């Protein structure tokens, strides 16, 4: 009996050790050079990289290691449980297509392509993409260089690029448990990152220097974006969206954006400079050229924005400890039926902006027929510091007739405008158009007749601690109100003087 017990104990111990060994055994590392990648900047290495990814996936997961070198490639196919690691000095380069070789073709879209821009309706015509995956990591100090991608398609947002052309750098659709850390992205076409229908995503310590959008977070839930730097001169830097690209309504919700720097300078200048240079330093590539730009024109467009694609809604979102330079400001928009609510911005610094705050509830209704007009409510903005703001576009918060923005609180807001305007320089209050169905943009109503805030179609707004200053005298009225109920004002100053 004792020998039997001893044998059983030994068997149990053996099984325990085996289980521990299996759990603790490191996942296999697949070096792309072992699969034929050259890294010489000329050879098309995507077949080798894809072979390494497929081998890691077949093992049940593991790391695909890209050592230093320049890996010219077409479409790279991600896989579940695979970690793509870019060593410092490794450049994954989007190559120029030839007449016969290039990026994967755009897949058919059966849900109504008229409900969102072309770039949101197709995913496979991209540099690096994954659909329906889980447990994906891309990390390392290397670079994704999208120089071979196209950034747009002319004036028609629904138009498509030529076959074999790629138009996005990194695309994830219907994925979960994603981690993107520490790498750099350069010249990334239409989007550096398009995440559609992704749940549980961490984006940490990325540097993005590109011509158009940085991060487009579309129909996603449980997302953290922290410690990133983005330079996006001709489009949005961090843009939350809720399109109809999944063929259904899905909100973007539970998002935290923190400790990020967003700029709108000439593409490439962020990577060319190791330190941020004050944007008004004469002759520096980071600064707008004040000698040639028209008065009040802010060149860059990089900004933190919600909306434009807003069939779905936006809920439970916090943005904190961010710096925006030579960019748009904080833009909250819902115009296609989505509900935007429970949003907080805190401790934001903006220097050089075309519009510090722009909130828009509209009725463009680029959604399936019968979709009702949305809502914009319960917004909290606090501890906002703005300097060198275009005076033509003050704080602008506007709903539409019959659909009011609700429950907005602005607290401890400091804005320095360039000033220099009078009522004769802008349209009269009665002439400001409604533009109910128009694309939402800060300049959609033209230069505004107020120097501090233009408020229209609002139910419940509290402004506690608004401190405005003007570099040049501005003789327009401080506020223009149109269909506003429940306005509460406290601690308002202009050029240091209290306003009663």
Protein backbone atom coordinates (compact mmCIF):
# COMPACT_ATOMS: atom_id res chain seq x y z
CA UNK A 1 0.00 0.00 0.00
CA UNK A 2 2.80 2.41 0.92
CA UNK A 3 4.64 1.70 -2.39
CA UNK A 4 1.43 2.41 -4.31
CA UNK A 5 0.98 5.73 -2.53
CA UNK A 6 4.62 6.64 -3.21
CA UNK A 7 4.21 5.81 -6.91
CA UNK A 8 1.04 7.91 -7.09
CA UNK A 9 2.81 10.83 -5.41
CA UNK A 10 5.71 10.53 -7.87
CA UNK A 11 3.27 10.50 -10.80
CA UNK A 12 1.48 13.56 -9.51
CA UNK A 13 4.82 15.34 -8.98
CA UNK A 14 5.94 14.41 -12.50
CA UNK A 15 2.72 15.78 -13.99
CA UNK A 16 3.06 18.98 -11.97
CA UNK A 17 6.63 19.51 -13.15
CA UNK A 18 5.59 18.82 -16.76
CA UNK A 19 2.70 21.30 -16.48
CA UNK A 20 5.01 23.93 -14.99
CA UNK A 21 7.54 23.35 -17.78
CA UNK A 22 4.85 23.75 -20.44
CA UNK A 23 3.53 26.95 -18.86
CA UNK A 24 6.91 28.55 -18.37
CA UNK A 25 8.49 27.50 -21.66
CA UNK A 26 9.16 30.60 -23.77
CA UNK A 27 7.30 30.96 -27.05
CA UNK A 28 9.36 30.34 -30.17
CA UNK A 29 11.09 33.28 -31.85
CA UNK A 30 10.87 33.36 -35.64
CA UNK A 31 13.55 35.54 -37.23
CA UNK A 32 12.32 36.76 -40.62
CA UNK A 33 15.81 36.29 -42.07
CA UNK A 34 15.48 32.57 -41.43
CA UNK A 35 12.53 32.67 -43.82
CA UNK A 36 14.43 34.47 -46.59
CA UNK A 37 14.05 38.17 -45.76
CA UNK A 38 16.99 40.25 -46.99
CA UNK A 39 16.45 43.61 -45.30
CA UNK A 40 18.36 45.37 -48.08
CA UNK A 41 15.67 47.96 -48.90
CA UNK A 42 15.18 46.57 -52.42
CA UNK A 43 14.11 42.93 -52.21
CA UNK A 44 10.38 42.54 -51.53
CA UNK A 45 10.44 40.84 -48.13
CA UNK A 46 6.70 40.54 -47.42
CA UNK A 47 6.58 36.85 -48.54
CA UNK A 48 9.27 36.00 -45.99
CA UNK A 49 7.67 38.09 -43.24
CA UNK A 50 4.28 36.51 -43.89
CA UNK A 51 5.84 33.06 -43.83
CA UNK A 52 7.37 33.80 -40.42
CA UNK A 53 4.02 35.04 -39.10
CA UNK A 54 2.23 31.96 -40.43
CA UNK A 55 4.82 29.66 -38.81
CA UNK A 56 4.43 31.43 -35.45
CA UNK A 57 0.66 31.13 -35.69
CA UNK A 58 0.93 27.43 -36.53
CA UNK A 59 2.96 26.96 -33.34
CA UNK A 60 0.09 28.46 -31.37
CA UNK A 61 1.78 31.84 -31.13
CA UNK A 62 5.18 33.40 -30.66
CA UNK A 63 7.40 36.28 -31.68
CA UNK A 64 8.26 37.29 -35.23
CA UNK A 65 11.58 39.10 -34.94
CA UNK A 66 12.62 41.73 -37.47
CA UNK A 67 16.29 42.65 -36.95
CA UNK A 68 17.92 45.88 -38.08
CA UNK A 69 17.62 46.53 -41.82
CA UNK A 70 15.20 47.96 -44.38
CA UNK A 71 12.49 45.48 -45.35
CA UNK A 72 10.69 46.63 -48.48
CA UNK A 73 7.28 44.96 -48.46
CA UNK A 74 3.74 44.88 -49.70
CA UNK A 75 0.83 43.70 -47.52
CA UNK A 76 1.82 42.04 -44.25
CA UNK A 77 -0.79 39.71 -42.71
CA UNK A 78 -1.02 39.65 -38.91
CA UNK A 79 -2.16 36.55 -37.00
CA UNK A 80 -3.62 35.78 -33.58
CA UNK A 81 -1.23 35.23 -30.65
CA UNK A 82 1.70 36.61 -32.66
CA UNK A 83 4.05 39.36 -31.46
CA UNK A 84 5.69 41.33 -34.27
CA UNK A 85 8.89 42.83 -32.87
CA UNK A 86 10.80 45.58 -34.69
CA UNK A 87 14.34 45.83 -33.41
CA UNK A 88 15.92 49.29 -33.16
CA UNK A 89 17.20 50.04 -36.65
CA UNK A 90 14.59 47.87 -38.34
CA UNK A 91 12.43 49.65 -40.93
CA UNK A 92 9.38 47.93 -42.35
CA UNK A 93 9.08 49.88 -45.61
CA UNK A 94 5.93 50.15 -47.70
CA UNK A 95 7.31 49.63 -51.21
CA UNK A 96 6.14 51.24 -54.43
CA UNK A 97 3.96 48.79 -56.39
CA UNK A 98 4.81 47.73 -59.92
CA UNK A 99 2.48 47.06 -62.84
CA UNK A 100 2.02 43.47 -61.65
CA UNK A 101 2.84 43.42 -57.92
CA UNK A 102 1.59 45.42 -54.98
CA UNK A 103 -0.76 45.50 -52.04
CA UNK A 104 -3.77 43.28 -51.43
CA UNK A 105 -6.92 44.30 -53.25
CA UNK A 106 -9.73 45.97 -51.37
CA UNK A 107 -12.36 43.45 -50.33
CA UNK A 108 -16.01 43.95 -51.35
CA UNK A 109 -18.12 46.03 -48.97
CA UNK A 110 -21.76 45.00 -48.74
CA UNK A 111 -23.14 47.36 -46.07
CA UNK A 112 -23.55 50.62 -47.99
CA UNK A 113 -20.30 52.35 -48.86
CA UNK A 114 -22.02 55.73 -49.00
CA UNK A 115 -22.20 55.85 -45.19
CA UNK A 116 -18.46 56.47 -44.68
CA UNK A 117 -15.38 57.48 -46.62
CA UNK A 118 -13.74 54.87 -48.86
CA UNK A 119 -10.84 54.41 -46.46
CA UNK A 120 -13.23 53.21 -43.75
CA UNK A 121 -15.09 50.72 -45.95
CA UNK A 122 -12.11 48.60 -47.02
CA UNK A 123 -9.29 47.12 -44.96
CA UNK A 124 -7.15 44.67 -46.90
CA UNK A 125 -5.67 47.25 -49.29
CA UNK A 126 -3.28 48.24 -46.52
CA UNK A 127 0.35 47.76 -45.56
CA UNK A 128 -0.12 45.76 -42.34
CA UNK A 129 -3.54 44.35 -41.53
CA UNK A 130 -5.44 41.87 -39.40
CA UNK A 131 -9.14 40.94 -39.34
CA UNK A 132 -10.93 38.84 -36.71
CA UNK A 133 -7.81 38.30 -34.60
CA UNK A 134 -6.95 38.24 -30.90
CA UNK A 135 -3.88 38.71 -28.72
CA UNK A 136 -1.79 40.81 -31.12
CA UNK A 137 1.32 42.77 -30.17
CA UNK A 138 3.52 45.04 -32.26
CA UNK A 139 6.43 46.52 -30.36
CA UNK A 140 10.07 47.51 -30.48
CA UNK A 141 12.04 50.65 -31.31
CA UNK A 142 11.95 50.16 -35.08
CA UNK A 143 9.89 52.00 -37.69
CA UNK A 144 6.93 51.42 -39.96
CA UNK A 145 7.63 53.61 -43.01
CA UNK A 146 4.60 54.02 -45.25
CA UNK A 147 6.28 56.03 -47.98
CA UNK A 148 4.87 53.80 -50.73
CA UNK A 149 1.25 54.37 -49.65
CA UNK A 150 -1.17 56.90 -51.15
CA UNK A 151 -2.63 59.53 -48.80
CA UNK A 152 -5.86 60.26 -50.64
CA UNK A 153 -7.95 60.16 -53.77
CA UNK A 154 -8.55 63.73 -54.81
CA UNK A 155 -11.68 65.61 -53.82
CA UNK A 156 -14.02 62.60 -53.66
CA UNK A 157 -13.85 60.85 -50.25
CA UNK A 158 -15.66 57.82 -51.69
CA UNK A 159 -13.26 57.35 -54.60
CA UNK A 160 -10.81 54.43 -54.57
CA UNK A 161 -7.08 54.30 -55.33
CA UNK A 162 -5.70 52.37 -58.28
CA UNK A 163 -5.46 48.56 -57.95
CA UNK A 164 -2.35 47.26 -56.15
CA UNK A 165 -2.04 50.56 -54.27
CA UNK A 166 -2.12 50.59 -50.49
CA UNK A 167 -3.67 53.49 -48.61
CA UNK A 168 -3.31 52.73 -44.88
CA UNK A 169 -0.31 51.73 -42.77
CA UNK A 170 -1.79 49.58 -39.99
CA UNK A 171 -5.36 48.25 -39.96
CA UNK A 172 -7.16 46.14 -37.37
CA UNK A 173 -10.80 45.10 -37.75
CA UNK A 174 -12.93 43.00 -35.39
CA UNK A 175 -9.95 42.25 -33.16
CA UNK A 176 -9.46 42.06 -29.40
CA UNK A 177 -6.58 42.26 -26.95
CA UNK A 178 -4.18 44.44 -28.94
CA UNK A 179 -0.96 46.07 -27.74
CA UNK A 180 1.00 48.59 -29.82
CA UNK A 181 4.13 49.90 -28.10
CA UNK A 182 7.30 51.93 -28.62
CA UNK A 183 7.68 52.01 -32.43
CA UNK A 184 7.68 54.91 -34.90
CA UNK A 185 5.39 55.46 -37.89
CA UNK A 186 6.28 57.70 -40.83
CA UNK A 187 4.35 58.96 -43.91
CA UNK A 188 1.48 56.54 -43.47
CA UNK A 189 -0.99 57.32 -46.26
CA UNK A 190 -4.61 58.01 -45.33
CA UNK A 191 -4.36 56.55 -41.80
CA UNK A 192 -1.35 55.57 -39.72
CA UNK A 193 -3.64 53.36 -37.62
CA UNK A 194 -7.22 52.45 -38.42
CA UNK A 195 -8.79 50.36 -35.65
CA UNK A 196 -12.40 49.37 -36.39
CA UNK A 197 -14.39 47.22 -33.99
CA UNK A 198 -11.40 46.58 -31.72
CA UNK A 199 -11.96 45.79 -28.02
CA UNK A 200 -9.23 46.03 -25.38
CA UNK A 201 -6.41 47.99 -27.01
CA UNK A 202 -3.32 49.67 -25.57
CA UNK A 203 -1.41 52.21 -27.67
CA UNK A 204 1.67 53.34 -25.77
CA UNK A 205 4.72 55.46 -26.54
CA UNK A 206 4.30 55.61 -30.32
CA UNK A 207 5.76 58.38 -32.47
CA UNK A 208 3.75 59.18 -35.61
CA UNK A 209 4.93 61.70 -38.20
CA UNK A 210 2.60 61.55 -41.17
CA UNK A 211 0.68 63.65 -43.66
CA UNK A 212 -2.91 62.71 -42.81
CA UNK A 213 -4.66 60.94 -39.91
CA UNK A 214 -2.69 59.49 -37.03
CA UNK A 215 -4.97 57.22 -34.98
CA UNK A 216 -8.55 56.59 -36.13
CA UNK A 217 -10.32 54.73 -33.34
CA UNK A 218 -13.62 53.60 -34.86
CA UNK A 219 -16.33 51.56 -33.10
CA UNK A 220 -13.85 50.50 -30.42
CA UNK A 221 -14.23 49.77 -26.71
CA UNK A 222 -11.81 49.81 -23.79
CA UNK A 223 -8.92 51.72 -25.37
CA UNK A 224 -5.95 53.42 -23.70
CA UNK A 225 -3.75 55.81 -25.66
CA UNK A 226 -0.89 57.15 -23.58
CA UNK A 227 2.48 58.82 -23.99
CA UNK A 228 2.28 59.18 -27.79
CA UNK A 229 3.58 61.97 -30.04
CA UNK A 230 1.79 62.67 -33.31
CA UNK A 231 2.51 65.19 -36.05
CA UNK A 232 -0.33 65.32 -38.60
CA UNK A 233 -0.33 68.59 -40.57
CA UNK A 234 -3.18 67.95 -43.01
CA UNK A 235 -5.68 65.92 -41.02
CA UNK A 236 -6.60 64.68 -37.56
CA UNK A 237 -4.05 63.31 -35.11
CA UNK A 238 -6.25 61.34 -32.71
CA UNK A 239 -9.77 60.95 -34.07
CA UNK A 240 -12.50 58.89 -32.47
CA UNK A 241 -15.16 57.74 -34.91
CA UNK A 242 -18.25 55.53 -34.94
CA UNK A 243 -18.88 54.71 -38.57
CA UNK A 244 -21.17 52.11 -40.18
CA UNK A 245 -18.17 50.18 -41.50
CA UNK A 246 -19.10 47.06 -39.50
CA UNK A 247 -22.54 46.99 -41.09
CA UNK A 248 -24.13 47.87 -37.76
CA UNK A 249 -24.22 50.63 -35.19
CA UNK A 250 -21.47 50.35 -32.60
CA UNK A 251 -20.35 53.04 -30.16
CA UNK A 252 -16.80 54.03 -29.40
CA UNK A 253 -16.68 53.92 -25.61
CA UNK A 254 -14.49 53.57 -22.54
CA UNK A 255 -11.48 55.42 -23.97
CA UNK A 256 -8.67 57.15 -22.07
CA UNK A 257 -6.21 59.44 -23.89
CA UNK A 258 -3.40 60.79 -21.71
CA UNK A 259 0.03 62.38 -21.80
CA UNK A 260 0.14 62.87 -25.57
CA UNK A 261 1.66 65.62 -27.72
CA UNK A 262 -0.18 66.53 -30.94
CA UNK A 263 1.22 68.90 -33.57
CA UNK A 264 0.41 70.07 -37.06
CA UNK A 265 3.77 71.02 -38.53
CA UNK A 266 5.27 70.03 -41.87
CA UNK A 267 5.42 66.25 -42.18
CA UNK A 268 8.81 64.78 -41.33
CA UNK A 269 9.86 67.59 -39.00
CA UNK A 270 9.01 65.73 -35.80
CA UNK A 271 11.46 62.97 -36.67
CA UNK A 272 14.05 65.47 -37.86
CA UNK A 273 14.16 67.17 -34.46
CA UNK A 274 14.87 65.44 -31.20
CA UNK A 275 13.32 68.24 -29.12
CA UNK A 276 10.12 70.24 -29.51
CA UNK A 277 11.01 73.75 -30.67
CA UNK A 278 8.73 76.66 -29.71
CA UNK A 279 6.46 77.13 -32.70
CA UNK A 280 7.18 80.86 -33.01
CA UNK A 281 10.94 80.49 -33.36
CA UNK A 282 11.83 82.26 -36.66
CA UNK A 283 13.14 80.17 -39.50
CA UNK A 284 12.72 76.78 -37.86
CA UNK A 285 11.07 73.94 -39.72
CA UNK A 286 8.73 73.37 -36.81
CA UNK A 287 7.33 76.88 -36.98
CA UNK A 288 4.69 78.23 -39.38
CA UNK A 289 6.28 80.78 -41.68
CA UNK A 290 4.75 83.99 -40.38
CA UNK A 291 6.36 85.98 -43.19
CA UNK A 292 4.25 84.33 -45.87
CA UNK A 293 1.09 83.07 -44.17
CA UNK A 294 -2.05 85.22 -44.39
CA UNK A 295 -3.23 86.93 -41.20
CA UNK A 296 -4.80 84.56 -38.67
CA UNK A 297 -4.06 81.43 -40.71
CA UNK A 298 -2.93 78.43 -38.68
CA UNK A 299 -1.32 76.02 -41.13
CA UNK A 300 -1.63 72.73 -39.27
CA UNK A 301 -4.73 70.61 -38.69
CA UNK A 302 -3.55 67.92 -36.30
CA UNK A 303 -5.99 67.74 -33.41
CA UNK A 304 -7.96 65.59 -31.00
CA UNK A 305 -11.44 65.15 -32.44
CA UNK A 306 -14.56 63.04 -32.05
CA UNK A 307 -17.02 62.66 -34.90
CA UNK A 308 -17.27 63.23 -38.66
CA UNK A 309 -18.04 59.50 -38.88
CA UNK A 310 -20.79 59.34 -36.25
CA UNK A 311 -23.47 56.80 -37.14
CA UNK A 312 -22.72 55.25 -33.77
CA UNK A 313 -22.03 57.19 -30.60
CA UNK A 314 -19.30 58.11 -28.12
CA UNK A 315 -19.56 57.36 -24.41
CA UNK A 316 -17.39 57.45 -21.29
CA UNK A 317 -14.26 59.08 -22.67
CA UNK A 318 -11.52 60.96 -20.80
CA UNK A 319 -8.70 63.04 -22.28
CA UNK A 320 -6.08 64.42 -19.89
CA UNK A 321 -2.59 65.91 -19.72
CA UNK A 322 -2.13 66.60 -23.44
CA UNK A 323 -0.35 69.31 -25.44
CA UNK A 324 -1.53 70.52 -28.87
CA UNK A 325 0.66 72.81 -31.00
CA UNK A 326 -0.05 74.50 -34.31
CA UNK A 327 -3.25 72.52 -34.56
CA UNK A 328 -6.97 72.51 -34.25
CA UNK A 329 -8.29 72.43 -30.72
CA UNK A 330 -10.83 70.18 -29.05
CA UNK A 331 -13.52 69.21 -31.57
CA UNK A 332 -16.58 67.22 -30.44
CA UNK A 333 -18.98 66.44 -33.27
CA UNK A 334 -21.91 64.13 -33.92
CA UNK A 335 -23.83 64.65 -37.15
CA UNK A 336 -24.96 61.21 -38.35
CA UNK A 337 -27.24 60.11 -35.51
CA UNK A 338 -24.78 59.06 -32.81
CA UNK A 339 -25.12 60.01 -29.13
CA UNK A 340 -22.02 61.74 -27.73
CA UNK A 341 -22.13 61.85 -23.94
CA UNK A 342 -20.12 61.66 -20.72
CA UNK A 343 -16.88 63.13 -22.07
CA UNK A 344 -14.20 64.84 -19.97
CA UNK A 345 -11.17 66.89 -21.00
CA UNK A 346 -8.75 68.04 -18.28
CA UNK A 347 -5.38 69.77 -18.17
CA UNK A 348 -4.94 70.52 -21.87
CA UNK A 349 -2.47 73.04 -23.33
CA UNK A 350 -2.96 74.41 -26.86
CA UNK A 351 -0.53 76.79 -28.57
CA UNK A 352 -1.31 78.13 -32.03
CA UNK A 353 -4.82 77.05 -32.99
CA UNK A 354 -7.51 77.82 -35.53
CA UNK A 355 -10.31 77.06 -33.05
CA UNK A 356 -9.91 76.28 -29.33
CA UNK A 357 -13.30 74.60 -28.71
CA UNK A 358 -15.78 73.40 -31.34
CA UNK A 359 -18.85 71.37 -30.36
CA UNK A 360 -21.36 70.50 -33.07
CA UNK A 361 -24.61 68.55 -33.04
CA UNK A 362 -25.82 68.38 -36.65
CA UNK A 363 -27.97 66.39 -39.05
CA UNK A 364 -25.83 65.41 -42.02
CA UNK A 365 -27.28 61.91 -41.46
CA UNK A 366 -24.84 59.86 -43.49
CA UNK A 367 -26.44 56.73 -42.02
CA UNK A 368 -29.08 54.17 -42.99
CA UNK A 369 -32.49 55.67 -43.72
CA UNK A 370 -34.61 56.20 -40.62
CA UNK A 371 -31.69 56.89 -38.27
CA UNK A 372 -32.80 59.62 -35.83
CA UNK A 373 -30.81 62.77 -35.08
CA UNK A 374 -28.33 62.16 -32.28
CA UNK A 375 -27.48 63.99 -29.07
CA UNK A 376 -24.50 65.78 -27.52
CA UNK A 377 -24.59 66.09 -23.73
CA UNK A 378 -22.79 65.90 -20.41
CA UNK A 379 -19.48 67.40 -21.51
CA UNK A 380 -16.89 68.62 -18.99
CA UNK A 381 -13.86 70.72 -20.02
CA UNK A 382 -11.52 71.98 -17.29
CA UNK A 383 -8.06 73.47 -16.90
CA UNK A 384 -7.60 74.44 -20.53
CA UNK A 385 -4.83 76.88 -21.51
CA UNK A 386 -4.77 78.27 -25.05
CA UNK A 387 -2.48 80.84 -26.66
CA UNK A 388 -2.18 82.40 -30.13
CA UNK A 389 -5.72 81.52 -31.22
CA UNK A 390 -7.29 82.67 -34.50
CA UNK A 391 -9.80 85.40 -33.51
CA UNK A 392 -12.27 84.55 -36.28
CA UNK A 393 -13.33 81.34 -34.54
CA UNK A 394 -13.95 81.74 -30.80
CA UNK A 395 -15.46 79.07 -28.59
CA UNK A 396 -18.23 77.65 -30.79
CA UNK A 397 -20.95 75.41 -29.36
CA UNK A 398 -23.92 74.86 -31.64
CA UNK A 399 -26.82 72.46 -32.00
CA UNK A 400 -29.55 72.83 -34.63
CA UNK A 401 -33.17 73.96 -34.41
CA UNK A 402 -35.13 71.43 -32.39
CA UNK A 403 -32.02 69.51 -31.28
CA UNK A 404 -30.03 71.24 -28.57
CA UNK A 405 -26.69 70.45 -27.00
CA UNK A 406 -27.25 69.74 -23.30
CA UNK A 407 -25.38 69.99 -20.01
CA UNK A 408 -21.97 71.48 -20.81
CA UNK A 409 -19.53 72.69 -18.15
CA UNK A 410 -16.44 74.78 -18.92
CA UNK A 411 -14.22 75.45 -15.90
CA UNK A 412 -10.92 77.29 -15.58
CA UNK A 413 -10.51 78.14 -19.26
CA UNK A 414 -7.71 80.54 -20.27
CA UNK A 415 -7.55 81.67 -23.92
CA UNK A 416 -5.32 84.23 -25.61
CA UNK A 417 -6.69 85.31 -28.99
CA UNK A 418 -4.77 87.21 -31.63
CA UNK A 419 -7.57 89.81 -31.67
CA UNK A 420 -7.64 92.73 -34.09
CA UNK A 421 -11.23 92.39 -35.36
CA UNK A 422 -14.33 94.55 -35.18
CA UNK A 423 -18.03 93.90 -35.95
CA UNK A 424 -17.45 95.31 -39.44
CA UNK A 425 -14.91 92.55 -40.19
CA UNK A 426 -17.36 89.68 -39.71
CA UNK A 427 -20.96 88.81 -40.49
CA UNK A 428 -23.84 90.12 -38.43
CA UNK A 429 -25.35 87.75 -35.83
CA UNK A 430 -28.54 87.40 -37.88
CA UNK A 431 -26.52 86.25 -40.90
CA UNK A 432 -24.75 83.28 -39.29
CA UNK A 433 -26.12 80.24 -41.22
CA UNK A 434 -27.46 77.09 -39.58
CA UNK A 435 -25.85 74.63 -42.05
CA UNK A 436 -27.87 71.76 -40.55
CA UNK A 437 -26.75 69.08 -43.05
CA UNK A 438 -23.19 70.24 -43.66
CA UNK A 439 -19.93 68.44 -42.88
CA UNK A 440 -18.84 69.59 -39.40
CA UNK A 441 -15.89 71.97 -39.45
CA UNK A 442 -14.94 74.91 -37.26
CA UNK A 443 -15.12 77.35 -40.20
CA UNK A 444 -18.49 76.10 -41.48
CA UNK A 445 -20.33 79.24 -40.32
CA UNK A 446 -17.67 81.73 -41.42
CA UNK A 447 -15.94 84.30 -39.17
CA UNK A 448 -18.16 84.79 -36.14
CA UNK A 449 -19.55 87.98 -34.57
CA UNK A 450 -18.40 87.15 -31.00
CA UNK A 451 -14.84 87.46 -29.74
CA UNK A 452 -15.20 85.05 -26.80
CA UNK A 453 -17.96 82.50 -27.41
CA UNK A 454 -20.74 81.88 -29.93
CA UNK A 455 -23.43 79.72 -28.28
CA UNK A 456 -26.49 78.46 -30.13
CA UNK A 457 -29.23 75.86 -29.47
CA UNK A 458 -28.07 74.85 -25.99
CA UNK A 459 -29.93 73.69 -22.88
CA UNK A 460 -27.78 74.00 -19.80
CA UNK A 461 -24.26 75.44 -19.96
CA UNK A 462 -22.09 76.50 -17.05
CA UNK A 463 -18.96 78.64 -17.54
CA UNK A 464 -16.99 79.01 -14.33
CA UNK A 465 -13.65 80.73 -14.70
CA UNK A 466 -13.24 81.99 -18.28
CA UNK A 467 -10.23 84.25 -18.70
CA UNK A 468 -9.71 85.79 -22.14
CA UNK A 469 -6.98 88.07 -23.45
CA UNK A 470 -6.35 89.68 -26.83
CA UNK A 471 -2.98 90.53 -28.39
CA UNK A 472 -4.68 93.31 -30.38
CA UNK A 473 -7.89 95.13 -29.38
CA UNK A 474 -11.07 93.37 -30.49
CA UNK A 475 -14.32 95.37 -30.40
CA UNK A 476 -16.81 92.56 -31.05
CA UNK A 477 -19.18 91.59 -28.22
CA UNK A 478 -17.86 89.00 -25.80
CA UNK A 479 -20.75 86.53 -26.21
CA UNK A 480 -23.43 85.92 -28.81
CA UNK A 481 -26.33 83.77 -27.58
CA UNK A 482 -29.00 82.26 -29.80
CA UNK A 483 -31.62 79.88 -28.35
CA UNK A 484 -29.70 79.26 -25.13
CA UNK A 485 -31.39 78.29 -21.87
CA UNK A 486 -29.82 77.66 -18.49
CA UNK A 487 -26.64 79.71 -18.95
CA UNK A 488 -24.64 80.12 -15.74
CA UNK A 489 -21.63 82.45 -15.69
CA UNK A 490 -19.07 82.97 -12.92
CA UNK A 491 -15.60 84.51 -12.79
CA UNK A 492 -15.33 85.93 -16.33
CA UNK A 493 -12.40 88.24 -17.14
CA UNK A 494 -11.17 89.98 -20.30
CA UNK A 495 -7.58 91.23 -20.32
CA UNK A 496 -7.50 90.85 -16.57
CA UNK A 497 -10.64 92.90 -15.95
CA UNK A 498 -13.69 91.26 -14.38
CA UNK A 499 -16.83 91.19 -16.52
CA UNK A 500 -20.13 91.66 -14.72
